[in-house]
Amino acid sequence: MNSSPQTPRARAFYENVFGWRFTRAAGSPIEYWRIDTNGIRGSLLARPAPPPPAGAGTTAFTCSVEINDFDARAVVNLAQGGGTALRKFAVPGVCWQGYFLDSERR
């Protein structure tokens, strides 16, 4: 089983932006990476088809995760080649929310 060409890029992006760590799941029939986030459990799968064109809207699961400093992560996201899908906004009495694009969709 070979690594998909976008998998190393995605792993490096999320390691740098959020500090996540990836471990390849041995014996899986598909390319499957476990994610250690020091909180939620997750995984990364290789994209089975080319990414859709820019501006196509959500074409996969949109993931929301809690982070300690939105503004600091936004700076790192941009420095790592990511972008902004939805600018930061207030959810009154709860949090600040926004959506990043990873380096594949910028």
C-alpha atoms as a PDB file:
ATOM      1  CA  MET A   1       0.000   0.000   0.000  1.00  0.00           C
ATOM      2  CA  ASN A   2       1.639   3.271  -1.118  1.00  0.00           C
ATOM      3  CA  SER A   3       1.036   6.636   0.463  1.00  0.00           C
ATOM      4  CA  SER A   4      -1.284   8.980  -1.399  1.00  0.00           C
ATOM      5  CA  PRO A   5       0.613  12.052  -2.703  1.00  0.00           C
ATOM      6  CA  GLN A   6      -1.456  14.435  -0.560  1.00  0.00           C
ATOM      7  CA  THR A   7      -1.122  12.484   2.692  1.00  0.00           C
ATOM      8  CA  PRO A   8       2.397  13.711   3.630  1.00  0.00           C
ATOM      9  CA  ARG A   9       1.310  17.288   2.860  1.00  0.00           C
ATOM     10  CA  ALA A  10      -1.810  16.962   5.005  1.00  0.00           C
ATOM     11  CA  ARG A  11       0.048  15.357   7.909  1.00  0.00           C
ATOM     12  CA  ALA A  12       2.736  18.062   7.891  1.00  0.00           C
ATOM     13  CA  PHE A  13       0.105  20.816   7.689  1.00  0.00           C
ATOM     14  CA  TYR A  14      -1.942  19.567  10.671  1.00  0.00           C
ATOM     15  CA  GLU A  15       1.176  18.754  12.705  1.00  0.00           C
ATOM     16  CA  ASN A  16       2.417  22.328  12.229  1.00  0.00           C
ATOM     17  CA  VAL A  17      -0.908  24.148  12.652  1.00  0.00           C
ATOM     18  CA  PHE A  18      -2.429  22.188  15.561  1.00  0.00           C
ATOM     19  CA  GLY A  19       0.457  20.093  16.936  1.00  0.00           C
ATOM     20  CA  TRP A  20      -1.314  16.839  16.076  1.00  0.00           C
ATOM     21  CA  ARG A  21       0.733  13.642  15.727  1.00  0.00           C
ATOM     22  CA  PHE A  22      -0.005  10.860  13.236  1.00  0.00           C
ATOM     23  CA  THR A  23       0.597   7.108  13.436  1.00  0.00           C
ATOM     24  CA  ARG A  24      -0.047   4.824  10.485  1.00  0.00           C
ATOM     25  CA  ALA A  25      -2.502   2.065  11.419  1.00  0.00           C
ATOM     26  CA  ALA A  26      -0.743  -1.226  10.739  1.00  0.00           C
ATOM     27  CA  GLY A  27      -2.729  -3.911   8.943  1.00  0.00           C
ATOM     28  CA  SER A  28      -5.447  -1.574   7.663  1.00  0.00           C
ATOM     29  CA  PRO A  29      -6.706  -2.394   4.142  1.00  0.00           C
ATOM     30  CA  ILE A  30      -6.708   1.354   3.373  1.00  0.00           C
ATOM     31  CA  GLU A  31      -4.250   4.145   4.126  1.00  0.00           C
ATOM     32  CA  TYR A  32      -5.383   5.093   7.634  1.00  0.00           C
ATOM     33  CA  TRP A  33      -3.550   7.411  10.029  1.00  0.00           C
ATOM     34  CA  ARG A  34      -4.520   7.734  13.699  1.00  0.00           C
ATOM     35  CA  ILE A  35      -4.344  11.284  15.059  1.00  0.00           C
ATOM     36  CA  ASP A  36      -3.169  12.110  18.579  1.00  0.00           C
ATOM     37  CA  THR A  37      -4.659  15.512  19.406  1.00  0.00           C
ATOM     38  CA  ASN A  38      -4.233  15.378  23.212  1.00  0.00           C
ATOM     39  CA  GLY A  39      -8.019  15.456  23.326  1.00  0.00           C
ATOM     40  CA  ILE A  40     -10.416  14.222  20.669  1.00  0.00           C
ATOM     41  CA  ARG A  41      -9.615  11.086  18.711  1.00  0.00           C
ATOM     42  CA  GLY A  42      -9.410  11.312  14.976  1.00  0.00           C
ATOM     43  CA  SER A  43      -7.979   9.861  11.815  1.00  0.00           C
ATOM     44  CA  LEU A  44      -6.765  10.909   8.401  1.00  0.00           C
ATOM     45  CA  LEU A  45      -7.691   8.971   5.273  1.00  0.00           C
ATOM     46  CA  ALA A  46      -6.269   9.458   1.802  1.00  0.00           C
ATOM     47  CA  ARG A  47      -8.597  11.364  -0.532  1.00  0.00           C
ATOM     48  CA  PRO A  48     -10.070   8.809  -2.963  1.00  0.00           C
ATOM     49  CA  ALA A  49     -10.473  11.343  -5.796  1.00  0.00           C
ATOM     50  CA  PRO A  50      -9.005  14.687  -6.886  1.00  0.00           C
ATOM     51  CA  PRO A  51     -10.016  17.709  -4.771  1.00  0.00           C
ATOM     52  CA  PRO A  52     -12.916  19.753  -6.158  1.00  0.00           C
ATOM     53  CA  PRO A  53     -12.233  23.170  -7.697  1.00  0.00           C
ATOM     54  CA  ALA A  54     -11.890  26.218  -5.456  1.00  0.00           C
ATOM     55  CA  GLY A  55     -15.218  27.778  -4.546  1.00  0.00           C
ATOM     56  CA  ALA A  56     -17.105  24.486  -4.817  1.00  0.00           C
ATOM     57  CA  GLY A  57     -18.188  24.636  -1.175  1.00  0.00           C
ATOM     58  CA  THR A  58     -18.032  21.856   1.368  1.00  0.00           C
ATOM     59  CA  THR A  59     -17.324  18.565  -0.326  1.00  0.00           C
ATOM     60  CA  ALA A  60     -16.447  16.507   2.727  1.00  0.00           C
ATOM     61  CA  PHE A  61     -16.869  16.452   6.490  1.00  0.00           C
ATOM     62  CA  THR A  62     -16.404  19.877   8.057  1.00  0.00           C
ATOM     63  CA  CYS A  63     -14.599  19.392  11.347  1.00  0.00           C
ATOM     64  CA  SER A  64     -14.837  21.794  14.292  1.00  0.00           C
ATOM     65  CA  VAL A  65     -12.304  21.436  17.098  1.00  0.00           C
ATOM     66  CA  GLU A  66     -11.701  23.531  20.195  1.00  0.00           C
ATOM     67  CA  ILE A  67      -8.320  25.265  20.340  1.00  0.00           C
ATOM     68  CA  ASN A  68      -6.825  27.498  23.013  1.00  0.00           C
ATOM     69  CA  ASP A  69      -5.934  30.539  20.893  1.00  0.00           C
ATOM     70  CA  PHE A  70      -7.860  31.016  17.643  1.00  0.00           C
ATOM     71  CA  ASP A  71      -5.835  34.053  16.544  1.00  0.00           C
ATOM     72  CA  ALA A  72      -2.465  32.325  17.072  1.00  0.00           C
ATOM     73  CA  ARG A  73      -3.605  29.214  15.147  1.00  0.00           C
ATOM     74  CA  ALA A  74      -4.924  31.442  12.333  1.00  0.00           C
ATOM     75  CA  VAL A  75      -1.449  32.977  11.937  1.00  0.00           C
ATOM     76  CA  VAL A  76       0.179  29.518  11.846  1.00  0.00           C
ATOM     77  CA  ASN A  77      -2.484  28.266   9.409  1.00  0.00           C
ATOM     78  CA  LEU A  78      -1.662  31.042   6.948  1.00  0.00           C
ATOM     79  CA  ALA A  79       2.104  30.577   7.438  1.00  0.00           C
ATOM     80  CA  GLN A  80       1.728  26.866   6.594  1.00  0.00           C
ATOM     81  CA  GLY A  81      -0.081  27.620   3.326  1.00  0.00           C
ATOM     82  CA  GLY A  82      -3.668  27.393   4.590  1.00  0.00           C
ATOM     83  CA  GLY A  83      -6.450  29.902   4.103  1.00  0.00           C
ATOM     84  CA  THR A  84      -9.689  31.170   5.555  1.00  0.00           C
ATOM     85  CA  ALA A  85     -13.040  29.636   4.628  1.00  0.00           C
ATOM     86  CA  LEU A  86     -15.072  31.684   7.136  1.00  0.00           C
ATOM     87  CA  ARG A  87     -13.687  34.587   9.155  1.00  0.00           C
ATOM     88  CA  LYS A  88     -13.753  34.473  12.954  1.00  0.00           C
ATOM     89  CA  PHE A  89     -17.125  35.338  14.481  1.00  0.00           C
ATOM     90  CA  ALA A  90     -18.615  35.315  17.981  1.00  0.00           C
ATOM     91  CA  VAL A  91     -20.993  32.624  19.174  1.00  0.00           C
ATOM     92  CA  PRO A  92     -22.420  34.765  22.010  1.00  0.00           C
ATOM     93  CA  GLY A  93     -21.677  33.401  25.456  1.00  0.00           C
ATOM     94  CA  VAL A  94     -19.900  30.328  24.038  1.00  0.00           C
ATOM     95  CA  CYS A  95     -16.796  30.906  21.923  1.00  0.00           C
ATOM     96  CA  TRP A  96     -15.206  32.401  18.865  1.00  0.00           C
ATOM     97  CA  GLN A  97     -15.682  30.346  15.724  1.00  0.00           C
ATOM     98  CA  GLY A  98     -14.173  30.373  12.258  1.00  0.00           C
ATOM     99  CA  TYR A  99     -13.146  27.923   9.575  1.00  0.00           C
ATOM    100  CA  PHE A 100      -9.729  27.406   8.049  1.00  0.00           C
ATOM    101  CA  LEU A 101      -8.828  25.868   4.711  1.00  0.00           C
ATOM    102  CA  ASP A 102      -5.910  23.496   4.787  1.00  0.00           C
ATOM    103  CA  SER A 103      -3.024  23.866   2.359  1.00  0.00           C
ATOM    104  CA  GLU A 104      -4.728  21.625  -0.224  1.00  0.00           C
ATOM    105  CA  ARG A 105      -7.717  23.964  -0.676  1.00  0.00           C
ATOM    106  CA  ARG A 106      -6.130  27.402  -0.535  1.00  0.00           C
END
